[in-house]
Amino acid sequence: MRRHAGEKIVPGVNVAVLANDAIGNFVAATPLLQLLKTESKAASVHFWCGTRVAEFRHAPELFDLFLPLHGSSPAELLGLIAEHTGSYDWIINLESTAHSKAIAGLLSGELTFVSGPCVGPGGRGELSFPDDPQGELWADRRWVAEDLKERYPFLRSGFIAEIFARGCYFESEIPPYRVPSQPPGQQPPDLLVATSASLPEKLWPREKWAWVLDRVGSAGYTAGLLGAKPKDQKTHWMGGTAEDELVAQGLLIDLRGQYSLPEVVGALGQCRAVLTLDNGILHLAVAARARTVGLYRHGIHRLWAPPSDTLTVLTPGEGREVSEIDPEIVWEAVAHAL
């Protein structure tokens, strides 16, 4: 394997992209996947992701083959690695986990270019990043820093999808999110809401959700709850108890688990507005061009808030928690979006 350090990638190469299968991570990879198709003119793009987003596996505008890096049995994964090792000209790993770094190395042939984190030759240590600004960016642990653009002038934003693309030496405009979409079986409620998240520090108190949703109903709008099936919710997300209580209060129509992921995108594109935490639904909503109000941890918003005119970003301010965000400010933003 060898580091890609800006060498010209000739058309017709075979590329592998490795990414986490959280919905937000999947969506954040789609601008890079588009650039590989349109600018690199890759002969094939294989997307190693995971079972949580397998419903998006048919997306020829993004990739030619979807492979379950995450969620497969060890035997299945070893078989896939054996089948594809040495077949790629360029491997791009968007994850810093030991799992992804090891597999990036295992998939590499002697002349494979590698971008992103990767184990070193023979599985020892880590493959050094290039000695240039892009390599420094890959190695930087402070992607949420306020001065990121000043330290790396080739960045036009601190958005994670742009960081991925610039780390691969793409210089053009970053494409917007693009994900497969299908119409839902029925017209969605006016407001679609997602109250769960992967981390406790992302959550907003049930009482504040209830306060806002009560005003949504009083204004004559309907509201629906998106998310995983309740029995599956605890596996990857937090906030299920609050969801159940909001549904029991009659503040939300329970739509959890009723749509496929492409249908979720379709529903988001048909509703009037979206209110959500920083989670996968937010990124799908932006992809669907829905008017979206997103509640973010301060600082994290610089990395994970996509630059979109349809997204209103609300944070608690420096040094404060998401739980402190004022519901009156949230309602004002939601009312404007509706």
Foldseek 3Di string as FASTA:
>chain_A
DAADDPPQQAAAFEEEEEWEQFLLGVQLQQLVLQCCCPPSNYNFYEYAYADVQCLQQPDVSRGDGYHHLPDDDPVRNVVVLVVQACRGQEYEYPDDDPSRQDSSQSNYDPNHHYFAWHADPPRHHTDQFDPDLLSVLSVDPQLLDPCPCVSPVLDPASAQSSNSCVNNVDNDDGDAGATAADADPDADWQEEEEQKAQDPLQGADLVLVLVLLVVCVVVPTAYAYEEADLVCQVVGIDDSVSVVVCVVVVSHHYCHNVDRVNNLLNNLLRHQEYEYELGSSVSSNVNSLHQYEYEYEPSVCRHRPDPDPSYDYDYPDPPDTSNPGDSVVVSVSVVVSD
